[in-house]
C-alpha atoms as a PDB file:
ATOM      1  CA  UNK A   1     224.976  58.417 253.779  1.00  0.00           C
ATOM      2  CA  UNK A   2     221.790  58.199 255.801  1.00  0.00           C
ATOM      3  CA  UNK A   3     218.878  60.193 254.343  1.00  0.00           C
ATOM      4  CA  UNK A   4     218.580  61.837 257.763  1.00  0.00           C
ATOM      5  CA  UNK A   5     221.511  64.065 256.773  1.00  0.00           C
ATOM      6  CA  UNK A   6     219.978  65.302 253.528  1.00  0.00           C
ATOM      7  CA  UNK A   7     218.280  68.750 253.314  1.00  0.00           C
ATOM      8  CA  UNK A   8     214.557  69.241 253.953  1.00  0.00           C
ATOM      9  CA  UNK A   9     212.436  72.016 252.450  1.00  0.00           C
ATOM     10  CA  UNK A  10     209.447  73.639 254.169  1.00  0.00           C
ATOM     11  CA  UNK A  11     206.236  74.485 252.355  1.00  0.00           C
ATOM     12  CA  UNK A  12     207.291  78.142 252.103  1.00  0.00           C
ATOM     13  CA  UNK A  13     210.590  77.233 250.432  1.00  0.00           C
ATOM     14  CA  UNK A  14     212.939  77.624 253.419  1.00  0.00           C
ATOM     15  CA  UNK A  15     215.414  74.761 253.794  1.00  0.00           C
ATOM     16  CA  UNK A  16     216.912  72.946 256.779  1.00  0.00           C
ATOM     17  CA  UNK A  17     220.320  71.375 256.230  1.00  0.00           C
ATOM     18  CA  UNK A  18     219.239  67.965 257.543  1.00  0.00           C
ATOM     19  CA  UNK A  19     216.201  66.104 258.887  1.00  0.00           C
ATOM     20  CA  UNK A  20     217.158  66.096 262.550  1.00  0.00           C
ATOM     21  CA  UNK A  21     215.425  68.513 264.929  1.00  0.00           C
ATOM     22  CA  UNK A  22     215.830  69.272 268.592  1.00  0.00           C
ATOM     23  CA  UNK A  23     212.364  68.708 270.026  1.00  0.00           C
ATOM     24  CA  UNK A  24     210.822  71.393 272.263  1.00  0.00           C
ATOM     25  CA  UNK A  25     211.725  70.441 275.817  1.00  0.00           C
ATOM     26  CA  UNK A  26     210.680  71.857 279.170  1.00  0.00           C
ATOM     27  CA  UNK A  27     213.849  72.746 281.069  1.00  0.00           C
ATOM     28  CA  UNK A  28     212.954  75.327 283.789  1.00  0.00           C
ATOM     29  CA  UNK A  29     216.091  77.362 283.041  1.00  0.00           C
ATOM     30  CA  UNK A  30     214.703  80.808 282.188  1.00  0.00           C
ATOM     31  CA  UNK A  31     214.669  83.790 284.512  1.00  0.00           C
ATOM     32  CA  UNK A  32     211.566  84.289 286.705  1.00  0.00           C
ATOM     33  CA  UNK A  33     210.386  87.132 284.437  1.00  0.00           C
ATOM     34  CA  UNK A  34     210.483  84.880 281.371  1.00  0.00           C
ATOM     35  CA  UNK A  35     213.637  86.308 279.823  1.00  0.00           C
ATOM     36  CA  UNK A  36     216.380  84.114 278.367  1.00  0.00           C
ATOM     37  CA  UNK A  37     219.103  82.917 280.742  1.00  0.00           C
ATOM     38  CA  UNK A  38     222.678  81.979 279.979  1.00  0.00           C
ATOM     39  CA  UNK A  39     221.795  78.424 281.046  1.00  0.00           C
ATOM     40  CA  UNK A  40     219.031  78.130 278.456  1.00  0.00           C
ATOM     41  CA  UNK A  41     221.205  79.597 275.715  1.00  0.00           C
ATOM     42  CA  UNK A  42     224.051  77.210 276.584  1.00  0.00           C
ATOM     43  CA  UNK A  43     221.735  74.177 276.456  1.00  0.00           C
ATOM     44  CA  UNK A  44     220.293  75.075 273.038  1.00  0.00           C
ATOM     45  CA  UNK A  45     223.599  76.220 271.578  1.00  0.00           C
ATOM     46  CA  UNK A  46     225.215  72.856 272.381  1.00  0.00           C
ATOM     47  CA  UNK A  47     222.591  71.153 270.184  1.00  0.00           C
ATOM     48  CA  UNK A  48     223.057  73.468 267.197  1.00  0.00           C
ATOM     49  CA  UNK A  49     226.814  72.949 267.515  1.00  0.00           C
ATOM     50  CA  UNK A  50     226.091  69.216 267.621  1.00  0.00           C
ATOM     51  CA  UNK A  51     224.495  69.281 264.192  1.00  0.00           C
ATOM     52  CA  UNK A  52     220.742  69.585 264.707  1.00  0.00           C
ATOM     53  CA  UNK A  53     219.477  71.677 261.793  1.00  0.00           C
ATOM     54  CA  UNK A  54     216.312  72.913 263.513  1.00  0.00           C
ATOM     55  CA  UNK A  55     216.384  74.020 267.150  1.00  0.00           C
ATOM     56  CA  UNK A  56     213.010  74.342 268.857  1.00  0.00           C
ATOM     57  CA  UNK A  57     212.655  76.323 272.042  1.00  0.00           C
ATOM     58  CA  UNK A  58     210.773  75.005 275.025  1.00  0.00           C
ATOM     59  CA  UNK A  59     207.065  75.802 275.206  1.00  0.00           C
ATOM     60  CA  UNK A  60     207.056  79.592 275.405  1.00  0.00           C
ATOM     61  CA  UNK A  61     204.054  81.419 276.807  1.00  0.00           C
ATOM     62  CA  UNK A  62     202.398  84.113 274.721  1.00  0.00           C
ATOM     63  CA  UNK A  63     200.683  85.817 277.681  1.00  0.00           C
ATOM     64  CA  UNK A  64     201.100  85.945 281.436  1.00  0.00           C
ATOM     65  CA  UNK A  65     197.815  84.124 282.014  1.00  0.00           C
ATOM     66  CA  UNK A  66     199.105  81.284 279.813  1.00  0.00           C
ATOM     67  CA  UNK A  67     202.303  80.525 281.731  1.00  0.00           C
ATOM     68  CA  UNK A  68     202.487  76.856 282.626  1.00  0.00           C
ATOM     69  CA  UNK A  69     205.318  76.655 285.168  1.00  0.00           C
ATOM     70  CA  UNK A  70     208.091  78.671 286.822  1.00  0.00           C
ATOM     71  CA  UNK A  71     211.342  79.036 284.886  1.00  0.00           C
ATOM     72  CA  UNK A  72     209.516  79.094 281.553  1.00  0.00           C
ATOM     73  CA  UNK A  73     210.772  81.114 278.597  1.00  0.00           C
ATOM     74  CA  UNK A  74     208.391  83.891 277.570  1.00  0.00           C
ATOM     75  CA  UNK A  75     207.624  85.800 274.395  1.00  0.00           C
ATOM     76  CA  UNK A  76     204.708  87.885 275.659  1.00  0.00           C
ATOM     77  CA  UNK A  77     206.520  91.230 275.828  1.00  0.00           C
ATOM     78  CA  UNK A  78     209.084  93.272 273.940  1.00  0.00           C
ATOM     79  CA  UNK A  79     211.216  92.952 277.087  1.00  0.00           C
ATOM     80  CA  UNK A  80     212.009  89.440 275.810  1.00  0.00           C
ATOM     81  CA  UNK A  81     213.365  90.645 272.447  1.00  0.00           C
ATOM     82  CA  UNK A  82     217.041  91.095 273.466  1.00  0.00           C
ATOM     83  CA  UNK A  83     217.233  87.510 274.685  1.00  0.00           C
ATOM     84  CA  UNK A  84     215.555  86.132 271.581  1.00  0.00           C
ATOM     85  CA  UNK A  85     217.892  88.148 269.345  1.00  0.00           C
ATOM     86  CA  UNK A  86     220.873  86.789 271.247  1.00  0.00           C
ATOM     87  CA  UNK A  87     219.582  83.229 270.956  1.00  0.00           C
ATOM     88  CA  UNK A  88     218.807  83.548 267.233  1.00  0.00           C
ATOM     89  CA  UNK A  89     222.281  84.895 266.530  1.00  0.00           C
ATOM     90  CA  UNK A  90     223.937  82.057 268.446  1.00  0.00           C
ATOM     91  CA  UNK A  91     221.927  79.361 266.644  1.00  0.00           C
ATOM     92  CA  UNK A  92     222.473  80.949 263.222  1.00  0.00           C
ATOM     93  CA  UNK A  93     226.235  80.887 263.788  1.00  0.00           C
ATOM     94  CA  UNK A  94     225.926  77.101 263.412  1.00  0.00           C
ATOM     95  CA  UNK A  95     223.803  77.366 260.223  1.00  0.00           C
ATOM     96  CA  UNK A  96     220.768  76.030 262.079  1.00  0.00           C
ATOM     97  CA  UNK A  97     217.216  77.370 262.155  1.00  0.00           C
ATOM     98  CA  UNK A  98     215.520  78.533 265.360  1.00  0.00           C
ATOM     99  CA  UNK A  99     211.810  77.974 265.961  1.00  0.00           C
ATOM    100  CA  UNK A 100     209.973  79.375 268.973  1.00  0.00           C
ATOM    101  CA  UNK A 101     207.312  76.979 270.219  1.00  0.00           C
ATOM    102  CA  UNK A 102     204.480  79.282 271.299  1.00  0.00           C
ATOM    103  CA  UNK A 103     201.726  78.164 273.633  1.00  0.00           C
ATOM    104  CA  UNK A 104     199.115  78.979 276.245  1.00  0.00           C
ATOM    105  CA  UNK A 105     198.594  76.604 279.165  1.00  0.00           C
ATOM    106  CA  UNK A 106     194.829  77.089 279.424  1.00  0.00           C
ATOM    107  CA  UNK A 107     193.506  74.893 282.226  1.00  0.00           C
ATOM    108  CA  UNK A 108     197.096  73.842 282.951  1.00  0.00           C
ATOM    109  CA  UNK A 109     198.363  77.411 283.401  1.00  0.00           C
ATOM    110  CA  UNK A 110     199.669  78.684 286.709  1.00  0.00           C
ATOM    111  CA  UNK A 111     196.970  80.150 289.002  1.00  0.00           C
ATOM    112  CA  UNK A 112     196.280  83.875 288.640  1.00  0.00           C
ATOM    113  CA  UNK A 113     193.923  86.276 290.422  1.00  0.00           C
ATOM    114  CA  UNK A 114     191.341  85.530 287.744  1.00  0.00           C
ATOM    115  CA  UNK A 115     192.102  81.801 287.795  1.00  0.00           C
ATOM    116  CA  UNK A 116     193.099  79.598 284.843  1.00  0.00           C
ATOM    117  CA  UNK A 117     190.578  79.481 282.018  1.00  0.00           C
ATOM    118  CA  UNK A 118     189.815  77.033 279.257  1.00  0.00           C
ATOM    119  CA  UNK A 119     187.108  75.941 276.844  1.00  0.00           C
ATOM    120  CA  UNK A 120     184.939  74.606 279.673  1.00  0.00           C
ATOM    121  CA  UNK A 121     184.927  74.933 283.470  1.00  0.00           C
ATOM    122  CA  UNK A 122     186.804  72.397 285.538  1.00  0.00           C
ATOM    123  CA  UNK A 123     185.016  69.441 287.071  1.00  0.00           C
ATOM    124  CA  UNK A 124     187.795  69.229 289.686  1.00  0.00           C
ATOM    125  CA  UNK A 125     186.846  71.438 292.638  1.00  0.00           C
ATOM    126  CA  UNK A 126     190.427  71.345 293.933  1.00  0.00           C
ATOM    127  CA  UNK A 127     191.634  73.175 290.801  1.00  0.00           C
ATOM    128  CA  UNK A 128     189.062  75.721 289.636  1.00  0.00           C
ATOM    129  CA  UNK A 129     189.100  76.571 285.941  1.00  0.00           C
ATOM    130  CA  UNK A 130     186.597  79.024 284.534  1.00  0.00           C
ATOM    131  CA  UNK A 131     184.980  78.854 281.122  1.00  0.00           C
ATOM    132  CA  UNK A 132     186.515  81.204 278.568  1.00  0.00           C
ATOM    133  CA  UNK A 133     184.595  84.219 277.387  1.00  0.00           C
ATOM    134  CA  UNK A 134     184.719  85.371 273.774  1.00  0.00           C
ATOM    135  CA  UNK A 135     186.992  88.170 274.998  1.00  0.00           C
ATOM    136  CA  UNK A 136     189.421  85.631 276.518  1.00  0.00           C
ATOM    137  CA  UNK A 137     189.531  83.685 273.269  1.00  0.00           C
ATOM    138  CA  UNK A 138     190.046  86.709 271.044  1.00  0.00           C
ATOM    139  CA  UNK A 139     192.768  87.993 273.367  1.00  0.00           C
ATOM    140  CA  UNK A 140     194.568  84.643 273.162  1.00  0.00           C
ATOM    141  CA  UNK A 141     194.436  84.668 269.352  1.00  0.00           C
ATOM    142  CA  UNK A 142     195.892  88.179 269.344  1.00  0.00           C
ATOM    143  CA  UNK A 143     198.590  87.134 271.841  1.00  0.00           C
ATOM    144  CA  UNK A 144     199.696  84.256 269.613  1.00  0.00           C
ATOM    145  CA  UNK A 145     199.871  86.590 266.616  1.00  0.00           C
ATOM    146  CA  UNK A 146     201.798  89.197 268.617  1.00  0.00           C
ATOM    147  CA  UNK A 147     204.232  86.525 269.789  1.00  0.00           C
ATOM    148  CA  UNK A 148     204.916  85.330 266.245  1.00  0.00           C
ATOM    149  CA  UNK A 149     205.425  88.906 265.073  1.00  0.00           C
ATOM    150  CA  UNK A 150     207.775  89.464 268.013  1.00  0.00           C
ATOM    151  CA  UNK A 151     209.751  86.338 267.088  1.00  0.00           C
ATOM    152  CA  UNK A 152     210.114  87.589 263.527  1.00  0.00           C
ATOM    153  CA  UNK A 153     211.365  90.952 264.772  1.00  0.00           C
ATOM    154  CA  UNK A 154     213.960  89.136 266.882  1.00  0.00           C
ATOM    155  CA  UNK A 155     215.370  87.266 263.883  1.00  0.00           C
ATOM    156  CA  UNK A 156     213.850  83.903 264.810  1.00  0.00           C
ATOM    157  CA  UNK A 157     213.168  81.761 261.725  1.00  0.00           C
ATOM    158  CA  UNK A 158     209.681  80.664 262.651  1.00  0.00           C
ATOM    159  CA  UNK A 159     207.215  79.456 265.254  1.00  0.00           C
ATOM    160  CA  UNK A 160     205.554  76.198 266.129  1.00  0.00           C
ATOM    161  CA  UNK A 161     202.005  76.592 267.432  1.00  0.00           C
ATOM    162  CA  UNK A 162     201.653  74.151 270.346  1.00  0.00           C
ATOM    163  CA  UNK A 163     198.391  72.354 269.745  1.00  0.00           C
ATOM    164  CA  UNK A 164     199.389  69.179 271.599  1.00  0.00           C
ATOM    165  CA  UNK A 165     199.791  67.770 275.116  1.00  0.00           C
ATOM    166  CA  UNK A 166     196.484  69.052 276.478  1.00  0.00           C
ATOM    167  CA  UNK A 167     197.379  72.731 276.602  1.00  0.00           C
ATOM    168  CA  UNK A 168     194.874  75.407 275.582  1.00  0.00           C
ATOM    169  CA  UNK A 169     194.585  74.709 271.843  1.00  0.00           C
ATOM    170  CA  UNK A 170     194.485  70.964 272.452  1.00  0.00           C
ATOM    171  CA  UNK A 171     191.852  71.465 275.159  1.00  0.00           C
ATOM    172  CA  UNK A 172     189.585  73.131 272.620  1.00  0.00           C
ATOM    173  CA  UNK A 173     190.195  70.298 270.123  1.00  0.00           C
ATOM    174  CA  UNK A 174     189.265  67.642 272.687  1.00  0.00           C
ATOM    175  CA  UNK A 175     185.772  66.170 272.419  1.00  0.00           C
ATOM    176  CA  UNK A 176     185.771  65.445 276.164  1.00  0.00           C
ATOM    177  CA  UNK A 177     187.360  68.598 277.591  1.00  0.00           C
ATOM    178  CA  UNK A 178     185.459  70.953 275.294  1.00  0.00           C
ATOM    179  CA  UNK A 179     181.825  70.837 276.365  1.00  0.00           C
ATOM    180  CA  UNK A 180     180.770  74.150 274.813  1.00  0.00           C
ATOM    181  CA  UNK A 181     177.645  74.477 272.681  1.00  0.00           C
ATOM    182  CA  UNK A 182     178.579  77.716 270.910  1.00  0.00           C
ATOM    183  CA  UNK A 183     180.782  78.380 267.867  1.00  0.00           C
ATOM    184  CA  UNK A 184     183.867  77.233 269.826  1.00  0.00           C
ATOM    185  CA  UNK A 185     182.580  73.746 270.687  1.00  0.00           C
ATOM    186  CA  UNK A 186     180.499  70.800 269.570  1.00  0.00           C
ATOM    187  CA  UNK A 187     181.421  69.837 266.016  1.00  0.00           C
ATOM    188  CA  UNK A 188     185.027  69.274 264.989  1.00  0.00           C
ATOM    189  CA  UNK A 189     184.863  72.403 262.854  1.00  0.00           C
ATOM    190  CA  UNK A 190     183.888  74.408 265.929  1.00  0.00           C
ATOM    191  CA  UNK A 191     186.443  72.749 268.205  1.00  0.00           C
ATOM    192  CA  UNK A 192     189.152  73.452 265.607  1.00  0.00           C
ATOM    193  CA  UNK A 193     188.088  77.076 265.199  1.00  0.00           C
ATOM    194  CA  UNK A 194     190.528  78.404 267.814  1.00  0.00           C
ATOM    195  CA  UNK A 195     193.662  76.742 266.421  1.00  0.00           C
ATOM    196  CA  UNK A 196     192.661  77.652 262.853  1.00  0.00           C
ATOM    197  CA  UNK A 197     191.981  81.258 263.782  1.00  0.00           C
ATOM    198  CA  UNK A 198     195.343  81.305 265.533  1.00  0.00           C
ATOM    199  CA  UNK A 199     197.137  80.056 262.416  1.00  0.00           C
ATOM    200  CA  UNK A 200     195.296  82.572 260.233  1.00  0.00           C
ATOM    201  CA  UNK A 201     196.065  85.466 262.577  1.00  0.00           C
ATOM    202  CA  UNK A 202     199.757  84.575 262.670  1.00  0.00           C
ATOM    203  CA  UNK A 203     200.020  84.215 258.896  1.00  0.00           C
ATOM    204  CA  UNK A 204     198.515  87.688 258.544  1.00  0.00           C
ATOM    205  CA  UNK A 205     201.238  89.189 260.775  1.00  0.00           C
ATOM    206  CA  UNK A 206     204.408  87.584 259.372  1.00  0.00           C
ATOM    207  CA  UNK A 207     205.985  87.385 255.892  1.00  0.00           C
ATOM    208  CA  UNK A 208     205.761  84.292 253.726  1.00  0.00           C
ATOM    209  CA  UNK A 209     209.379  83.314 254.387  1.00  0.00           C
ATOM    210  CA  UNK A 210     208.724  83.096 258.145  1.00  0.00           C
ATOM    211  CA  UNK A 211     208.102  79.434 259.016  1.00  0.00           C
ATOM    212  CA  UNK A 212     204.820  78.666 260.786  1.00  0.00           C
ATOM    213  CA  UNK A 213     204.005  75.114 261.827  1.00  0.00           C
ATOM    214  CA  UNK A 214     201.855  73.233 264.323  1.00  0.00           C
ATOM    215  CA  UNK A 215     202.414  70.438 266.815  1.00  0.00           C
ATOM    216  CA  UNK A 216     199.489  68.079 267.374  1.00  0.00           C
ATOM    217  CA  UNK A 217     198.733  65.068 269.555  1.00  0.00           C
ATOM    218  CA  UNK A 218     197.159  62.565 267.118  1.00  0.00           C
ATOM    219  CA  UNK A 219     195.398  60.393 269.691  1.00  0.00           C
ATOM    220  CA  UNK A 220     194.792  60.096 273.415  1.00  0.00           C
ATOM    221  CA  UNK A 221     197.923  59.929 275.542  1.00  0.00           C
ATOM    222  CA  UNK A 222     198.379  60.889 279.176  1.00  0.00           C
ATOM    223  CA  UNK A 223     196.499  64.086 279.955  1.00  0.00           C
ATOM    224  CA  UNK A 224     195.551  64.566 276.285  1.00  0.00           C
ATOM    225  CA  UNK A 225     192.102  62.998 275.966  1.00  0.00           C
ATOM    226  CA  UNK A 226     189.173  63.241 273.595  1.00  0.00           C
ATOM    227  CA  UNK A 227     191.422  63.035 270.532  1.00  0.00           C
ATOM    228  CA  UNK A 228     190.639  60.872 267.507  1.00  0.00           C
ATOM    229  CA  UNK A 229     193.193  60.018 264.805  1.00  0.00           C
ATOM    230  CA  UNK A 230     190.912  60.815 261.879  1.00  0.00           C
ATOM    231  CA  UNK A 231     189.815  64.090 263.461  1.00  0.00           C
ATOM    232  CA  UNK A 232     193.445  65.039 264.083  1.00  0.00           C
ATOM    233  CA  UNK A 233     194.320  64.302 260.457  1.00  0.00           C
ATOM    234  CA  UNK A 234     191.411  66.509 259.353  1.00  0.00           C
ATOM    235  CA  UNK A 235     192.581  69.330 261.623  1.00  0.00           C
ATOM    236  CA  UNK A 236     196.085  69.048 260.155  1.00  0.00           C
ATOM    237  CA  UNK A 237     194.650  69.227 256.637  1.00  0.00           C
ATOM    238  CA  UNK A 238     192.682  72.363 257.517  1.00  0.00           C
ATOM    239  CA  UNK A 239     195.776  73.949 259.026  1.00  0.00           C
ATOM    240  CA  UNK A 240     197.679  73.280 255.799  1.00  0.00           C
ATOM    241  CA  UNK A 241     194.916  75.145 253.949  1.00  0.00           C
ATOM    242  CA  UNK A 242     195.401  77.981 256.441  1.00  0.00           C
ATOM    243  CA  UNK A 243     199.126  78.230 255.677  1.00  0.00           C
ATOM    244  CA  UNK A 244     201.016  75.706 257.821  1.00  0.00           C
ATOM    245  CA  UNK A 245     204.590  75.158 256.620  1.00  0.00           C
ATOM    246  CA  UNK A 246     204.939  71.882 258.551  1.00  0.00           C
ATOM    247  CA  UNK A 247     202.965  69.523 260.773  1.00  0.00           C
ATOM    248  CA  UNK A 248     204.672  67.980 263.824  1.00  0.00           C
ATOM    249  CA  UNK A 249     202.984  65.029 265.523  1.00  0.00           C
ATOM    250  CA  UNK A 250     203.956  64.099 269.077  1.00  0.00           C
ATOM    251  CA  UNK A 251     203.814  60.306 269.414  1.00  0.00           C
ATOM    252  CA  UNK A 252     205.644  59.721 272.754  1.00  0.00           C
ATOM    253  CA  UNK A 253     206.596  56.285 271.381  1.00  0.00           C
ATOM    254  CA  UNK A 254     207.138  56.594 267.641  1.00  0.00           C
ATOM    255  CA  UNK A 255     207.538  52.831 267.232  1.00  0.00           C
ATOM    256  CA  UNK A 256     203.860  52.230 268.060  1.00  0.00           C
ATOM    257  CA  UNK A 257     201.063  51.874 265.546  1.00  0.00           C
ATOM    258  CA  UNK A 258     197.838  53.831 265.828  1.00  0.00           C
ATOM    259  CA  UNK A 259     195.463  52.860 268.619  1.00  0.00           C
ATOM    260  CA  UNK A 260     192.457  53.414 266.386  1.00  0.00           C
ATOM    261  CA  UNK A 261     194.023  51.768 263.327  1.00  0.00           C
ATOM    262  CA  UNK A 262     196.451  49.088 264.569  1.00  0.00           C
ATOM    263  CA  UNK A 263     197.559  48.264 261.022  1.00  0.00           C
ATOM    264  CA  UNK A 264     198.616  51.872 260.366  1.00  0.00           C
ATOM    265  CA  UNK A 265     201.381  54.048 261.732  1.00  0.00           C
ATOM    266  CA  UNK A 266     200.127  57.553 262.590  1.00  0.00           C
ATOM    267  CA  UNK A 267     202.752  59.124 260.322  1.00  0.00           C
ATOM    268  CA  UNK A 268     201.367  57.240 257.330  1.00  0.00           C
ATOM    269  CA  UNK A 269     197.829  58.408 258.104  1.00  0.00           C
ATOM    270  CA  UNK A 270     198.967  62.037 258.168  1.00  0.00           C
ATOM    271  CA  UNK A 271     201.348  61.798 255.222  1.00  0.00           C
ATOM    272  CA  UNK A 272     198.693  60.296 252.948  1.00  0.00           C
ATOM    273  CA  UNK A 273     196.274  63.123 253.768  1.00  0.00           C
ATOM    274  CA  UNK A 274     198.587  66.163 253.721  1.00  0.00           C
ATOM    275  CA  UNK A 275     199.879  68.124 250.732  1.00  0.00           C
ATOM    276  CA  UNK A 276     203.212  66.717 249.553  1.00  0.00           C
ATOM    277  CA  UNK A 277     204.950  70.065 249.971  1.00  0.00           C
ATOM    278  CA  UNK A 278     204.139  70.249 253.708  1.00  0.00           C
ATOM    279  CA  UNK A 279     206.770  68.323 255.717  1.00  0.00           C
ATOM    280  CA  UNK A 280     205.654  65.952 258.451  1.00  0.00           C
ATOM    281  CA  UNK A 281     207.766  65.730 261.610  1.00  0.00           C
ATOM    282  CA  UNK A 282     207.496  62.907 264.151  1.00  0.00           C
ATOM    283  CA  UNK A 283     208.829  62.630 267.695  1.00  0.00           C
ATOM    284  CA  UNK A 284     208.766  60.031 270.432  1.00  0.00           C
ATOM    285  CA  UNK A 285     211.576  57.998 271.981  1.00  0.00           C
ATOM    286  CA  UNK A 286     213.680  57.774 268.808  1.00  0.00           C
ATOM    287  CA  UNK A 287     217.196  56.789 269.891  1.00  0.00           C
ATOM    288  CA  UNK A 288     218.928  55.104 266.953  1.00  0.00           C
ATOM    289  CA  UNK A 289     219.543  55.846 263.289  1.00  0.00           C
ATOM    290  CA  UNK A 290     217.526  52.761 262.379  1.00  0.00           C
ATOM    291  CA  UNK A 291     214.548  53.941 264.426  1.00  0.00           C
ATOM    292  CA  UNK A 292     214.758  57.425 262.886  1.00  0.00           C
ATOM    293  CA  UNK A 293     215.003  56.075 259.344  1.00  0.00           C
ATOM    294  CA  UNK A 294     211.960  53.901 260.019  1.00  0.00           C
ATOM    295  CA  UNK A 295     209.984  57.107 260.614  1.00  0.00           C
ATOM    296  CA  UNK A 296     210.966  58.267 257.131  1.00  0.00           C
ATOM    297  CA  UNK A 297     209.718  54.939 255.795  1.00  0.00           C
ATOM    298  CA  UNK A 298     206.386  55.572 257.520  1.00  0.00           C
ATOM    299  CA  UNK A 299     206.095  58.924 255.753  1.00  0.00           C
ATOM    300  CA  UNK A 300     207.822  61.431 258.025  1.00  0.00           C
ATOM    301  CA  UNK A 301     210.133  64.000 256.459  1.00  0.00           C
ATOM    302  CA  UNK A 302     212.143  64.646 259.629  1.00  0.00           C
ATOM    303  CA  UNK A 303     212.374  63.506 263.246  1.00  0.00           C
ATOM    304  CA  UNK A 304     212.573  65.556 266.440  1.00  0.00           C
ATOM    305  CA  UNK A 305     214.678  64.134 269.264  1.00  0.00           C
ATOM    306  CA  UNK A 306     213.994  64.913 272.920  1.00  0.00           C
ATOM    307  CA  UNK A 307     215.620  62.764 275.601  1.00  0.00           C
ATOM    308  CA  UNK A 308     218.080  61.261 273.065  1.00  0.00           C
ATOM    309  CA  UNK A 309     219.268  64.816 272.342  1.00  0.00           C
ATOM    310  CA  UNK A 310     219.649  65.547 276.050  1.00  0.00           C
ATOM    311  CA  UNK A 311     221.945  62.547 276.397  1.00  0.00           C
ATOM    312  CA  UNK A 312     223.612  63.092 273.001  1.00  0.00           C
ATOM    313  CA  UNK A 313     223.931  66.793 272.098  1.00  0.00           C
ATOM    314  CA  UNK A 314     225.958  65.823 269.014  1.00  0.00           C
ATOM    315  CA  UNK A 315     223.600  63.022 267.875  1.00  0.00           C
ATOM    316  CA  UNK A 316     223.586  64.233 264.224  1.00  0.00           C
ATOM    317  CA  UNK A 317     227.388  64.221 264.053  1.00  0.00           C
ATOM    318  CA  UNK A 318     228.359  61.297 266.258  1.00  0.00           C
ATOM    319  CA  UNK A 319     225.438  58.911 265.762  1.00  0.00           C
ATOM    320  CA  UNK A 320     223.988  59.706 262.328  1.00  0.00           C
ATOM    321  CA  UNK A 321     227.226  60.679 260.573  1.00  0.00           C
ATOM    322  CA  UNK A 322     229.889  58.650 262.373  1.00  0.00           C
ATOM    323  CA  UNK A 323     227.781  55.596 263.208  1.00  0.00           C
ATOM    324  CA  UNK A 324     228.479  55.514 266.936  1.00  0.00           C
ATOM    325  CA  UNK A 325     225.970  54.128 269.418  1.00  0.00           C
ATOM    326  CA  UNK A 326     223.964  56.788 271.267  1.00  0.00           C
ATOM    327  CA  UNK A 327     224.578  57.198 274.969  1.00  0.00           C
ATOM    328  CA  UNK A 328     221.556  56.044 276.952  1.00  0.00           C
ATOM    329  CA  UNK A 329     220.487  56.804 280.531  1.00  0.00           C
ATOM    330  CA  UNK A 330     221.276  56.808 283.296  1.00  0.00           C
ATOM    331  CA  UNK A 331     223.692  59.737 283.199  1.00  0.00           C
ATOM    332  CA  UNK A 332     225.325  61.287 286.239  1.00  0.00           C
ATOM    333  CA  UNK A 333     224.695  64.949 287.078  1.00  0.00           C
ATOM    334  CA  UNK A 334     228.291  65.663 286.096  1.00  0.00           C
ATOM    335  CA  UNK A 335     227.742  64.100 282.676  1.00  0.00           C
ATOM    336  CA  UNK A 336     224.574  66.123 282.191  1.00  0.00           C
ATOM    337  CA  UNK A 337     226.349  69.349 283.163  1.00  0.00           C
ATOM    338  CA  UNK A 338     228.964  68.519 280.531  1.00  0.00           C
ATOM    339  CA  UNK A 339     226.061  68.262 278.060  1.00  0.00           C
ATOM    340  CA  UNK A 340     224.876  71.786 278.822  1.00  0.00           C
ATOM    341  CA  UNK A 341     222.217  71.167 281.479  1.00  0.00           C
ATOM    342  CA  UNK A 342     221.941  73.407 284.519  1.00  0.00           C
ATOM    343  CA  UNK A 343     221.138  72.045 287.971  1.00  0.00           C
ATOM    344  CA  UNK A 344     217.492  73.135 287.539  1.00  0.00           C
ATOM    345  CA  UNK A 345     217.207  71.117 284.337  1.00  0.00           C
ATOM    346  CA  UNK A 346     218.945  68.128 285.917  1.00  0.00           C
ATOM    347  CA  UNK A 347     216.491  68.210 288.830  1.00  0.00           C
ATOM    348  CA  UNK A 348     213.608  68.324 286.355  1.00  0.00           C
ATOM    349  CA  UNK A 349     214.995  65.273 284.518  1.00  0.00           C
ATOM    350  CA  UNK A 350     214.821  63.292 287.776  1.00  0.00           C
ATOM    351  CA  UNK A 351     211.071  63.106 287.087  1.00  0.00           C
ATOM    352  CA  UNK A 352     211.907  60.703 284.238  1.00  0.00           C
ATOM    353  CA  UNK A 353     212.593  57.458 286.043  1.00  0.00           C
ATOM    354  CA  UNK A 354     216.115  56.194 285.474  1.00  0.00           C
ATOM    355  CA  UNK A 355     217.395  59.162 283.488  1.00  0.00           C
ATOM    356  CA  UNK A 356     219.614  60.721 286.166  1.00  0.00           C
ATOM    357  CA  UNK A 357     221.981  58.369 287.970  1.00  0.00           C
END
């Protein structure tokens, strides 16, 4: 049997039944007010039924000023609790764990009357972004903690703090986006202060058996700039000291070696630096069992599947257990509907060239 189907234990002692996760995926299926829709529940439920042991929600905004796009799931109000309870119950029926990925868009948030805010003001006059005040920052920390507490009340198993992909926490970590000269910018310790304070605030609001992890971008990719592998490893190590139960690195292409250290895979750099009891999760274009097992060889404890899980909702059962070849794009809209995607999600997937036939 492939090691992918063996149990994995988090730092706090909770256990997932296998090492296959559904990655957090934007899907635009929630109601306009941020509450759970039947479409979103159907999409996630199909993956827990398909054998994924950990189901991550899409990026879920912790405050209205942090919303990144329309159709986004929210966790900023108690009005969201009924939907989260319903989702948790549905996922638990399949003996899977549910994690809410919590985030704030920062400079990439939707425009508001006060405008998006981030660590530093925008240099793009066509998209104004104001510099955060101390009050903005403290309010965001409190919103993350409130969101985690809300998830716990709803019966969700844990949260993943979204510190990747150039959203707010990643913006503060960036040496190029963060141009502050106060306690929130400059040195790595200062740039990491926001994500560390966020972890500490969440840990203070939830019990030890509630899973709290972090997703990080290890190096520059796309809109995520100003990131250095060794700095990212140091941030991950600090977050483990602060109580992280897992570290999840977003690689986009998990077959690639580090840009900074071409002889090293990023997973190995993190695994060698992190406490052995803290699982490392990798994600990035992992389609086959062989590719997933290679991540374990590099030092990962589990893999998170994104587009492969869209095309193969039963990847753990059909591919990992039964040895069948995964279905690859393109898929017709009808095939995607059969896999639990709504028309909104299918339209979104057209942005990925060649995915939708």
